[in-house]
Each structure stands twice: as C-alpha cells, then as structure tokens.
Amino acid sequence: MDYLLIAAAAVIGLAVGYLISMRRARVAVADELTKARKRADQALQKARTDVAGELDEKERAISALETRMAEAKQQSEQERSKLQADLTHLQTERTRLAARAQELSQHVDEMRGEMRTISDEGMRELEELHEILNALEQAVQRMEERRLATDRKVKQESAAPAAPVAARKA
C-alpha cells in the first residue's frame, strides 16, 4: 500500500505539477499574448501614424498640385481672354483699315480724275498760250516789217531833194 500511496502521491504530485506548470504556462502564454498584443497595438499604431503621415504628405502634394493646376487654369483663362480681346481688337482694326483703304482708293481715283481734268485744262491753256505766242510773234514780225519798211521810206525820202520835203512840211 505504500506503493499505492506513493503511486497515488506521485500521480497527484504529477497532476498538481502539471496543473501548476499549465497555470504557469497559461500565465506565460497570457503574458506573451499581452506582450504580443501590445507589440501588435504599437506596430498598428506606428503603421497608422506612418500611413497618416504619408496620407498627410500626399494630401499636401495633391493640394499643392490642385493649387498649381487652378493657378495654371486661371492663367490660361486670363491668357485666353487676353488673346480673344486682342483678336477682337485686331479684327476691328482690320475692318477699319480695310474701310480706310477703300476710302483712300476712292480718294486716289477722284484725285486721278481731278489730275486728268487739271492736266487737260493745263494742256488747253498751254495750247492757248502757244497760239497767243504765235499770234504775238506774227504781230512782232509784222511790226518789224513795218518798221523796216518805214525805215526804208525814211531813207529814201531823206535821199530825195530837200525841197519836196520842205514843201510837204508847209
């Protein structure tokens, strides 16, 4: 019986030892589990912090890009408006210049007509002056001929006897 008691004590000792070791193992597992949970929570917290930092950084980059894009769009719109205004101004100027060119063309045509008229009148006046000059030359020639004829008569009469000249005077 002693063996039985020893065996029962050994079985009970083993069972108690097993239970104690199991309890210690459970405590150790619970401690490990708690530590693992803490590490997991810390890792999760660190991952969340890292992801949040990356998200913040990406949001700032996106905001900066959106701002640049909005500025570029606004500048593009301003340039487009400016170009449209310039185009409108140039079209207005083109229309004005075309009208002015037509006016000048008409004015040139009118001036050409006036120049022809003036030229024709000038030519007529020159022809009249030429006719007058010819008439004056003819008149001068006739006067010259008369003077020469008169000079000849005077010479002939002065060569003739003086008495008939005196009789004429009386």
N, C-alpha and C. Protein backbone atom coordinates (compact mmCIF):
# COMPACT_ATOMS: atom_id res chain seq x y z
N MET A 1 0.76 -1.12 0.00
CA MET A 1 0.00 0.00 0.00
C MET A 1 0.85 1.25 0.00
N ASP A 2 1.84 1.05 0.54
CA ASP A 2 2.75 2.18 0.49
C ASP A 2 3.04 2.52 -0.96
N TYR A 3 3.09 1.43 -1.69
CA TYR A 3 3.35 1.71 -3.10
C TYR A 3 2.16 2.43 -3.71
N LEU A 4 1.11 2.07 -3.26
CA LEU A 4 -0.10 2.68 -3.78
C LEU A 4 -0.18 4.15 -3.38
N LEU A 5 0.14 4.34 -2.18
CA LEU A 5 0.12 5.71 -1.67
C LEU A 5 1.22 6.51 -2.37
N ILE A 6 2.32 5.86 -2.56
CA ILE A 6 3.41 6.56 -3.23
C ILE A 6 2.98 6.82 -4.69
N ALA A 7 2.39 5.83 -5.26
CA ALA A 7 1.96 5.98 -6.64
C ALA A 7 0.87 7.04 -6.71
N ALA A 8 -0.08 6.99 -5.72
CA ALA A 8 -1.16 7.98 -5.73
C ALA A 8 -0.56 9.35 -5.47
N ALA A 9 0.41 9.43 -4.56
CA ALA A 9 1.04 10.72 -4.27
C ALA A 9 1.81 11.18 -5.50
N ALA A 10 2.42 10.24 -6.19
CA ALA A 10 3.17 10.61 -7.38
C ALA A 10 2.20 11.10 -8.47
N VAL A 11 1.06 10.39 -8.60
CA VAL A 11 0.07 10.79 -9.61
C VAL A 11 -0.48 12.15 -9.22
N ILE A 12 -0.80 12.31 -7.96
CA ILE A 12 -1.34 13.59 -7.50
C ILE A 12 -0.26 14.65 -7.66
N GLY A 13 0.97 14.35 -7.33
CA GLY A 13 2.09 15.29 -7.48
C GLY A 13 2.28 15.67 -8.94
N LEU A 14 2.20 14.62 -9.77
CA LEU A 14 2.33 14.89 -11.21
C LEU A 14 1.16 15.75 -11.68
N ALA A 15 -0.04 15.45 -11.22
CA ALA A 15 -1.22 16.21 -11.63
C ALA A 15 -1.11 17.64 -11.12
N VAL A 16 -0.68 17.78 -9.85
CA VAL A 16 -0.54 19.13 -9.30
C VAL A 16 0.58 19.85 -10.04
N GLY A 17 1.68 19.17 -10.30
CA GLY A 17 2.81 19.76 -11.03
C GLY A 17 2.38 20.15 -12.44
N TYR A 18 1.55 19.23 -13.02
CA TYR A 18 1.05 19.52 -14.37
C TYR A 18 0.15 20.74 -14.33
N LEU A 19 -0.72 20.78 -13.31
CA LEU A 19 -1.64 21.93 -13.22
C LEU A 19 -0.86 23.22 -12.95
N ILE A 20 0.14 23.12 -12.10
CA ILE A 20 0.94 24.31 -11.79
C ILE A 20 1.71 24.75 -13.04
N SER A 21 2.28 23.80 -13.71
CA SER A 21 3.04 24.15 -14.91
C SER A 21 2.10 24.67 -16.01
N MET A 22 0.90 24.09 -16.06
CA MET A 22 -0.09 24.57 -17.01
C MET A 22 -0.51 26.00 -16.66
N ARG A 23 -0.71 26.21 -15.36
CA ARG A 23 -1.09 27.56 -14.94
C ARG A 23 0.02 28.53 -15.27
N ARG A 24 1.26 28.12 -14.95
CA ARG A 24 2.40 28.99 -15.27
C ARG A 24 2.50 29.19 -16.80
N ALA A 25 2.26 28.11 -17.52
CA ALA A 25 2.32 28.20 -18.99
C ALA A 25 1.21 29.13 -19.48
N ARG A 26 0.02 28.99 -18.85
CA ARG A 26 -1.08 29.87 -19.23
C ARG A 26 -0.74 31.32 -18.92
N VAL A 27 -0.16 31.55 -17.75
CA VAL A 27 0.24 32.90 -17.35
C VAL A 27 1.31 33.40 -18.32
N ALA A 28 2.28 32.50 -18.62
CA ALA A 28 3.33 32.89 -19.56
C ALA A 28 2.74 33.17 -20.94
N VAL A 29 1.80 32.29 -21.36
CA VAL A 29 1.14 32.48 -22.67
C VAL A 29 0.32 33.77 -22.63
N ALA A 30 -0.39 33.99 -21.50
CA ALA A 30 -1.18 35.21 -21.36
C ALA A 30 -0.26 36.43 -21.38
N ASP A 31 0.89 36.32 -20.67
CA ASP A 31 1.86 37.42 -20.69
C ASP A 31 2.39 37.64 -22.12
N GLU A 32 2.72 36.53 -22.76
CA GLU A 32 3.22 36.62 -24.16
C GLU A 32 2.13 37.18 -25.07
N LEU A 33 0.90 36.71 -24.82
CA LEU A 33 -0.22 37.20 -25.62
C LEU A 33 -0.42 38.69 -25.37
N THR A 34 -0.31 39.10 -24.11
CA THR A 34 -0.45 40.52 -23.77
C THR A 34 0.68 41.32 -24.41
N LYS A 35 1.91 40.77 -24.29
CA LYS A 35 3.05 41.45 -24.91
C LYS A 35 2.88 41.50 -26.43
N ALA A 36 2.42 40.40 -27.00
CA ALA A 36 2.21 40.35 -28.46
C ALA A 36 1.14 41.35 -28.87
N ARG A 37 0.06 41.42 -28.03
CA ARG A 37 -1.00 42.39 -28.33
C ARG A 37 -0.46 43.82 -28.24
N LYS A 38 0.38 44.08 -27.20
CA LYS A 38 0.97 45.41 -27.05
C LYS A 38 1.87 45.73 -28.25
N ARG A 39 2.69 44.72 -28.64
CA ARG A 39 3.56 44.93 -29.80
C ARG A 39 2.72 45.14 -31.07
N ALA A 40 1.64 44.34 -31.19
CA ALA A 40 0.76 44.48 -32.35
C ALA A 40 0.08 45.85 -32.32
N ASP A 41 -0.38 46.26 -31.11
CA ASP A 41 -1.01 47.59 -30.99
C ASP A 41 -0.01 48.70 -31.32
N GLN A 42 1.24 48.52 -30.81
CA GLN A 42 2.28 49.51 -31.09
C GLN A 42 2.61 49.52 -32.60
N ALA A 43 2.73 48.31 -33.16
CA ALA A 43 3.02 48.22 -34.60
C ALA A 43 1.86 48.82 -35.40
N LEU A 44 0.62 48.49 -34.95
CA LEU A 44 -0.55 49.03 -35.62
C LEU A 44 -0.58 50.55 -35.48
N GLN A 45 -0.29 51.03 -34.27
CA GLN A 45 -0.28 52.47 -34.03
C GLN A 45 0.80 53.14 -34.88
N LYS A 46 1.98 52.51 -34.92
CA LYS A 46 3.08 53.04 -35.73
C LYS A 46 2.69 53.01 -37.21
N ALA A 47 2.08 51.93 -37.64
CA ALA A 47 1.65 51.82 -39.04
C ALA A 47 0.60 52.89 -39.34
N ARG A 48 -0.35 53.08 -38.39
CA ARG A 48 -1.36 54.11 -38.58
C ARG A 48 -0.71 55.50 -38.66
N THR A 49 0.25 55.74 -37.76
CA THR A 49 0.95 57.02 -37.75
C THR A 49 1.70 57.23 -39.07
N ASP A 50 2.41 56.16 -39.51
CA ASP A 50 3.15 56.24 -40.78
C ASP A 50 2.21 56.48 -41.96
N VAL A 51 1.11 55.70 -41.97
CA VAL A 51 0.13 55.85 -43.06
C VAL A 51 -0.50 57.23 -43.00
N ALA A 52 -0.84 57.70 -41.78
CA ALA A 52 -1.42 59.03 -41.63
C ALA A 52 -0.44 60.09 -42.11
N GLY A 53 0.85 59.93 -41.75
CA GLY A 53 1.88 60.88 -42.21
C GLY A 53 1.99 60.86 -43.73
N GLU A 54 2.02 59.65 -44.29
CA GLU A 54 2.09 59.55 -45.75
C GLU A 54 0.85 60.15 -46.40
N LEU A 55 -0.34 59.88 -45.79
CA LEU A 55 -1.57 60.45 -46.33
C LEU A 55 -1.55 61.97 -46.25
N ASP A 56 -1.08 62.50 -45.10
CA ASP A 56 -0.97 63.95 -44.97
C ASP A 56 -0.02 64.52 -46.02
N GLU A 57 1.11 63.85 -46.20
CA GLU A 57 2.09 64.30 -47.18
C GLU A 57 1.50 64.25 -48.59
N LYS A 58 0.79 63.16 -48.88
CA LYS A 58 0.17 63.04 -50.20
C LYS A 58 -0.95 64.06 -50.36
N GLU A 59 -1.70 64.31 -49.29
CA GLU A 59 -2.76 65.32 -49.37
C GLU A 59 -2.17 66.70 -49.62
N ARG A 60 -1.03 67.00 -48.95
CA ARG A 60 -0.37 68.28 -49.19
C ARG A 60 0.12 68.37 -50.64
N ALA A 61 0.69 67.26 -51.12
CA ALA A 61 1.15 67.25 -52.52
C ALA A 61 -0.03 67.42 -53.46
N ILE A 62 -1.13 66.74 -53.18
CA ILE A 62 -2.33 66.86 -54.02
C ILE A 62 -2.86 68.28 -53.95
N SER A 63 -2.90 68.85 -52.74
CA SER A 63 -3.37 70.23 -52.59
C SER A 63 -2.48 71.19 -53.36
N ALA A 64 -1.16 70.97 -53.25
CA ALA A 64 -0.23 71.83 -53.99
C ALA A 64 -0.46 71.69 -55.50
N LEU A 65 -0.64 70.47 -55.96
CA LEU A 65 -0.90 70.24 -57.38
C LEU A 65 -2.23 70.86 -57.82
N GLU A 66 -3.26 70.70 -56.96
CA GLU A 66 -4.55 71.31 -57.28
C GLU A 66 -4.43 72.83 -57.33
N THR A 67 -3.65 73.40 -56.39
CA THR A 67 -3.45 74.84 -56.38
C THR A 67 -2.74 75.29 -57.64
N ARG A 68 -1.66 74.57 -57.99
CA ARG A 68 -0.92 74.90 -59.21
C ARG A 68 -1.80 74.74 -60.44
N MET A 69 -2.61 73.69 -60.45
CA MET A 69 -3.49 73.44 -61.57
C MET A 69 -4.54 74.57 -61.67
N ALA A 70 -5.08 74.98 -60.52
CA ALA A 70 -6.07 76.07 -60.52
C ALA A 70 -5.42 77.37 -60.99
N GLU A 71 -4.18 77.63 -60.53
CA GLU A 71 -3.47 78.83 -60.96
C GLU A 71 -3.20 78.78 -62.46
N ALA A 72 -2.76 77.61 -62.93
CA ALA A 72 -2.49 77.45 -64.36
C ALA A 72 -3.78 77.62 -65.16
N LYS A 73 -4.86 77.07 -64.65
CA LYS A 73 -6.14 77.20 -65.34
C LYS A 73 -6.58 78.66 -65.37
N GLN A 74 -6.43 79.34 -64.24
CA GLN A 74 -6.79 80.76 -64.17
C GLN A 74 -5.92 81.57 -65.13
N GLN A 75 -4.61 81.29 -65.12
CA GLN A 75 -3.70 82.00 -66.02
C GLN A 75 -4.06 81.70 -67.47
N SER A 76 -4.39 80.45 -67.73
CA SER A 76 -4.79 80.06 -69.09
C SER A 76 -6.05 80.81 -69.50
N GLU A 77 -7.01 80.90 -68.60
CA GLU A 77 -8.24 81.64 -68.89
C GLU A 77 -7.95 83.12 -69.13
N GLN A 78 -7.06 83.68 -68.30
CA GLN A 78 -6.69 85.08 -68.50
C GLN A 78 -6.03 85.28 -69.85
N GLU A 79 -5.10 84.38 -70.19
CA GLU A 79 -4.42 84.46 -71.49
C GLU A 79 -5.43 84.29 -72.62
N ARG A 80 -6.36 83.35 -72.46
CA ARG A 80 -7.38 83.14 -73.48
C ARG A 80 -8.23 84.41 -73.64
N SER A 81 -8.62 85.01 -72.51
CA SER A 81 -9.41 86.25 -72.56
C SER A 81 -8.61 87.36 -73.23
N LYS A 82 -7.34 87.47 -72.87
CA LYS A 82 -6.49 88.50 -73.45
C LYS A 82 -6.33 88.27 -74.95
N LEU A 83 -6.10 87.02 -75.35
CA LEU A 83 -5.97 86.70 -76.77
C LEU A 83 -7.28 86.98 -77.51
N GLN A 84 -8.40 86.66 -76.89
CA GLN A 84 -9.70 86.92 -77.51
C GLN A 84 -9.89 88.42 -77.69
N ALA A 85 -9.53 89.20 -76.65
CA ALA A 85 -9.65 90.66 -76.74
C ALA A 85 -8.72 91.19 -77.83
N ASP A 86 -7.49 90.66 -77.89
CA ASP A 86 -6.55 91.08 -78.93
C ASP A 86 -7.09 90.73 -80.31
N LEU A 87 -7.66 89.53 -80.43
CA LEU A 87 -8.22 89.10 -81.71
C LEU A 87 -9.37 90.01 -82.13
N THR A 88 -10.24 90.32 -81.18
CA THR A 88 -11.36 91.22 -81.47
C THR A 88 -10.85 92.59 -81.90
N HIS A 89 -9.84 93.09 -81.15
CA HIS A 89 -9.26 94.39 -81.48
C HIS A 89 -8.64 94.36 -82.88
N LEU A 90 -7.90 93.29 -83.18
CA LEU A 90 -7.26 93.18 -84.49
C LEU A 90 -8.29 93.07 -85.61
N GLN A 91 -9.37 92.34 -85.35
CA GLN A 91 -10.43 92.25 -86.37
C GLN A 91 -11.07 93.61 -86.59
N THR A 92 -11.29 94.35 -85.51
CA THR A 92 -11.85 95.69 -85.62
C THR A 92 -10.90 96.59 -86.42
N GLU A 93 -9.60 96.50 -86.07
CA GLU A 93 -8.59 97.29 -86.77
C GLU A 93 -8.53 96.89 -88.25
N ARG A 94 -8.62 95.61 -88.51
CA ARG A 94 -8.58 95.12 -89.89
C ARG A 94 -9.77 95.69 -90.67
N THR A 95 -10.94 95.65 -90.07
CA THR A 95 -12.13 96.19 -90.71
C THR A 95 -11.97 97.69 -90.94
N ARG A 96 -11.48 98.38 -89.91
CA ARG A 96 -11.27 99.83 -90.02
C ARG A 96 -10.25 100.15 -91.11
N LEU A 97 -9.15 99.38 -91.14
CA LEU A 97 -8.11 99.62 -92.14
C LEU A 97 -8.62 99.30 -93.55
N ALA A 98 -9.43 98.25 -93.67
CA ALA A 98 -9.99 97.91 -94.98
C ALA A 98 -10.90 99.05 -95.45
N ALA A 99 -11.72 99.58 -94.55
CA ALA A 99 -12.60 100.69 -94.90
C ALA A 99 -11.76 101.91 -95.28
N ARG A 100 -10.72 102.16 -94.51
CA ARG A 100 -9.82 103.30 -94.78
C ARG A 100 -9.12 103.11 -96.12
N ALA A 101 -8.69 101.87 -96.42
CA ALA A 101 -8.04 101.60 -97.70
C ALA A 101 -9.01 101.85 -98.85
N GLN A 102 -10.25 101.46 -98.67
CA GLN A 102 -11.24 101.70 -99.71
C GLN A 102 -11.48 103.20 -99.89
N GLU A 103 -11.57 103.92 -98.75
CA GLU A 103 -11.73 105.37 -98.83
C GLU A 103 -10.56 106.00 -99.57
N LEU A 104 -9.35 105.57 -99.22
CA LEU A 104 -8.16 106.12 -99.86
C LEU A 104 -8.14 105.77 -101.34
N SER A 105 -8.55 104.56 -101.67
CA SER A 105 -8.61 104.15 -103.08
C SER A 105 -9.58 105.04 -103.83
N GLN A 106 -10.75 105.30 -103.24
CA GLN A 106 -11.72 106.18 -103.88
C GLN A 106 -11.15 107.59 -104.01
N HIS A 107 -10.48 108.03 -102.93
CA HIS A 107 -9.88 109.37 -102.95
C HIS A 107 -8.81 109.45 -104.04
N VAL A 108 -8.00 108.41 -104.18
CA VAL A 108 -6.96 108.38 -105.22
C VAL A 108 -7.61 108.42 -106.59
N ASP A 109 -8.68 107.64 -106.76
CA ASP A 109 -9.39 107.65 -108.05
C ASP A 109 -9.93 109.04 -108.34
N GLU A 110 -10.51 109.69 -107.32
CA GLU A 110 -11.02 111.05 -107.50
C GLU A 110 -9.88 112.00 -107.86
N MET A 111 -8.75 111.85 -107.15
CA MET A 111 -7.60 112.71 -107.41
C MET A 111 -7.06 112.47 -108.82
N ARG A 112 -7.07 111.22 -109.27
CA ARG A 112 -6.62 110.92 -110.63
C ARG A 112 -7.53 111.64 -111.64
N GLY A 113 -8.84 111.56 -111.38
CA GLY A 113 -9.78 112.25 -112.26
C GLY A 113 -9.52 113.75 -112.26
N GLU A 114 -9.33 114.31 -111.07
CA GLU A 114 -9.04 115.74 -110.97
C GLU A 114 -7.73 116.08 -111.67
N MET A 115 -6.72 115.21 -111.49
CA MET A 115 -5.42 115.44 -112.13
C MET A 115 -5.58 115.40 -113.65
N ARG A 116 -6.38 114.46 -114.16
CA ARG A 116 -6.63 114.41 -115.61
C ARG A 116 -7.29 115.70 -116.08
N THR A 117 -8.31 116.13 -115.29
CA THR A 117 -9.01 117.36 -115.64
C THR A 117 -8.06 118.53 -115.63
N ILE A 118 -7.27 118.63 -114.56
CA ILE A 118 -6.31 119.73 -114.44
C ILE A 118 -5.28 119.65 -115.56
N SER A 119 -4.81 118.43 -115.83
CA SER A 119 -3.82 118.25 -116.89
C SER A 119 -4.41 118.65 -118.24
N ASP A 120 -5.64 118.21 -118.48
CA ASP A 120 -6.30 118.58 -119.73
C ASP A 120 -6.47 120.09 -119.83
N GLU A 121 -6.90 120.72 -118.72
CA GLU A 121 -7.06 122.18 -118.70
C GLU A 121 -5.72 122.86 -118.91
N GLY A 122 -4.68 122.33 -118.27
CA GLY A 122 -3.33 122.89 -118.43
C GLY A 122 -2.86 122.78 -119.87
N MET A 123 -3.14 121.62 -120.49
CA MET A 123 -2.76 121.44 -121.88
C MET A 123 -3.51 122.43 -122.76
N ARG A 124 -4.82 122.61 -122.50
CA ARG A 124 -5.60 123.58 -123.27
C ARG A 124 -5.03 124.99 -123.09
N GLU A 125 -4.71 125.32 -121.82
CA GLU A 125 -4.14 126.63 -121.55
C GLU A 125 -2.80 126.80 -122.26
N LEU A 126 -1.98 125.71 -122.23
CA LEU A 126 -0.69 125.77 -122.94
C LEU A 126 -0.92 125.97 -124.44
N GLU A 127 -1.90 125.26 -125.00
CA GLU A 127 -2.20 125.43 -126.42
C GLU A 127 -2.65 126.85 -126.71
N GLU A 128 -3.50 127.40 -125.81
CA GLU A 128 -3.95 128.78 -125.98
C GLU A 128 -2.77 129.73 -125.90
N LEU A 129 -1.89 129.49 -124.89
CA LEU A 129 -0.70 130.35 -124.75
C LEU A 129 0.19 130.22 -125.98
N HIS A 130 0.31 129.02 -126.51
CA HIS A 130 1.12 128.80 -127.70
C HIS A 130 0.52 129.57 -128.89
N GLU A 131 -0.81 129.51 -129.00
CA GLU A 131 -1.47 130.26 -130.07
C GLU A 131 -1.26 131.75 -129.89
N ILE A 132 -1.38 132.21 -128.63
CA ILE A 132 -1.17 133.63 -128.34
C ILE A 132 0.26 134.01 -128.67
N LEU A 133 1.22 133.15 -128.30
CA LEU A 133 2.62 133.40 -128.57
C LEU A 133 2.85 133.48 -130.09
N ASN A 134 2.25 132.54 -130.82
CA ASN A 134 2.39 132.57 -132.28
C ASN A 134 1.79 133.87 -132.83
N ALA A 135 0.62 134.26 -132.30
CA ALA A 135 0.00 135.50 -132.77
C ALA A 135 0.88 136.69 -132.45
N LEU A 136 1.48 136.69 -131.24
CA LEU A 136 2.39 137.79 -130.84
C LEU A 136 3.62 137.81 -131.74
N GLU A 137 4.16 136.63 -132.04
CA GLU A 137 5.34 136.56 -132.90
C GLU A 137 5.00 137.11 -134.29
N GLN A 138 3.82 136.73 -134.76
CA GLN A 138 3.40 137.23 -136.07
C GLN A 138 3.22 138.75 -136.02
N ALA A 139 2.62 139.22 -134.88
CA ALA A 139 2.42 140.66 -134.74
C ALA A 139 3.76 141.37 -134.68
N VAL A 140 4.71 140.77 -133.93
CA VAL A 140 6.05 141.36 -133.81
C VAL A 140 6.71 141.38 -135.19
N GLN A 141 6.56 140.30 -135.94
CA GLN A 141 7.16 140.23 -137.28
C GLN A 141 6.54 141.31 -138.18
N ARG A 142 5.22 141.46 -138.11
CA ARG A 142 4.57 142.50 -138.92
C ARG A 142 5.05 143.88 -138.52
N MET A 143 5.16 144.10 -137.20
CA MET A 143 5.64 145.40 -136.72
C MET A 143 7.09 145.62 -137.17
N GLU A 144 7.87 144.56 -137.11
CA GLU A 144 9.27 144.64 -137.53
C GLU A 144 9.32 144.97 -139.03
N GLU A 145 8.45 144.29 -139.78
CA GLU A 145 8.41 144.55 -141.21
C GLU A 145 7.98 146.00 -141.48
N ARG A 146 6.99 146.48 -140.73
CA ARG A 146 6.53 147.86 -140.90
C ARG A 146 7.64 148.84 -140.53
N ARG A 147 8.33 148.54 -139.45
CA ARG A 147 9.43 149.42 -139.04
C ARG A 147 10.50 149.45 -140.11
N LEU A 148 10.83 148.25 -140.63
CA LEU A 148 11.85 148.21 -141.69
C LEU A 148 11.36 148.98 -142.93
N ALA A 149 10.08 148.77 -143.22
CA ALA A 149 9.53 149.48 -144.38
C ALA A 149 9.55 150.99 -144.12
N THR A 150 9.21 151.38 -142.92
CA THR A 150 9.21 152.80 -142.57
C THR A 150 10.63 153.33 -142.61
N ASP A 151 11.58 152.58 -142.11
CA ASP A 151 12.99 152.99 -142.14
C ASP A 151 13.45 153.16 -143.60
N ARG A 152 13.04 152.30 -144.46
CA ARG A 152 13.43 152.38 -145.86
C ARG A 152 12.82 153.63 -146.51
N LYS A 153 11.54 153.86 -146.15
CA LYS A 153 10.89 155.04 -146.71
C LYS A 153 11.60 156.30 -146.24
N VAL A 154 11.92 156.31 -144.95
CA VAL A 154 12.60 157.48 -144.39
C VAL A 154 13.95 157.65 -145.09
N LYS A 155 14.66 156.65 -145.36
CA LYS A 155 15.97 156.72 -146.02
C LYS A 155 15.78 157.18 -147.45
N GLN A 156 14.76 156.70 -148.09
CA GLN A 156 14.52 157.09 -149.48
C GLN A 156 14.12 158.57 -149.53
N GLU A 157 13.32 158.96 -148.64
CA GLU A 157 12.89 160.35 -148.63
C GLU A 157 14.02 161.26 -148.21
N SER A 158 14.85 160.82 -147.32
CA SER A 158 15.97 161.67 -146.92
C SER A 158 16.98 161.76 -148.04
N ALA A 159 17.05 160.80 -148.92
CA ALA A 159 17.96 160.85 -150.06
C ALA A 159 17.37 161.74 -151.15
N ALA A 160 16.09 161.91 -151.22
CA ALA A 160 15.45 162.75 -152.22
C ALA A 160 15.70 164.22 -151.87
N PRO A 161 15.48 165.11 -152.85
CA PRO A 161 15.79 166.52 -152.61
C PRO A 161 15.03 167.05 -151.40
N ALA A 162 15.65 168.01 -150.78
CA ALA A 162 15.14 168.59 -149.58
C ALA A 162 13.93 169.47 -149.85
N ALA A 163 13.77 170.02 -151.01
CA ALA A 163 12.68 170.90 -151.30
C ALA A 163 11.36 170.20 -151.24
N PRO A 164 11.24 169.07 -151.80
CA PRO A 164 9.94 168.47 -151.70
C PRO A 164 9.60 168.14 -150.25
N VAL A 165 10.58 167.88 -149.44
CA VAL A 165 10.32 167.60 -148.04
C VAL A 165 9.83 168.87 -147.39
N ALA A 166 10.44 170.05 -147.75
CA ALA A 166 10.06 171.29 -147.15
C ALA A 166 8.67 171.65 -147.60
N ALA A 167 8.31 171.33 -148.83
CA ALA A 167 7.00 171.65 -149.33
C ALA A 167 5.96 170.81 -148.62
N ARG A 168 6.33 169.70 -148.32
CA ARG A 168 5.40 168.84 -147.59
C ARG A 168 5.13 169.37 -146.22
N LYS A 169 6.15 169.91 -145.62
CA LYS A 169 6.01 170.41 -144.28
C LYS A 169 5.12 171.63 -144.28
N ALA A 170 5.11 172.40 -145.34
CA ALA A 170 4.36 173.64 -145.39
C ALA A 170 2.94 173.39 -145.64
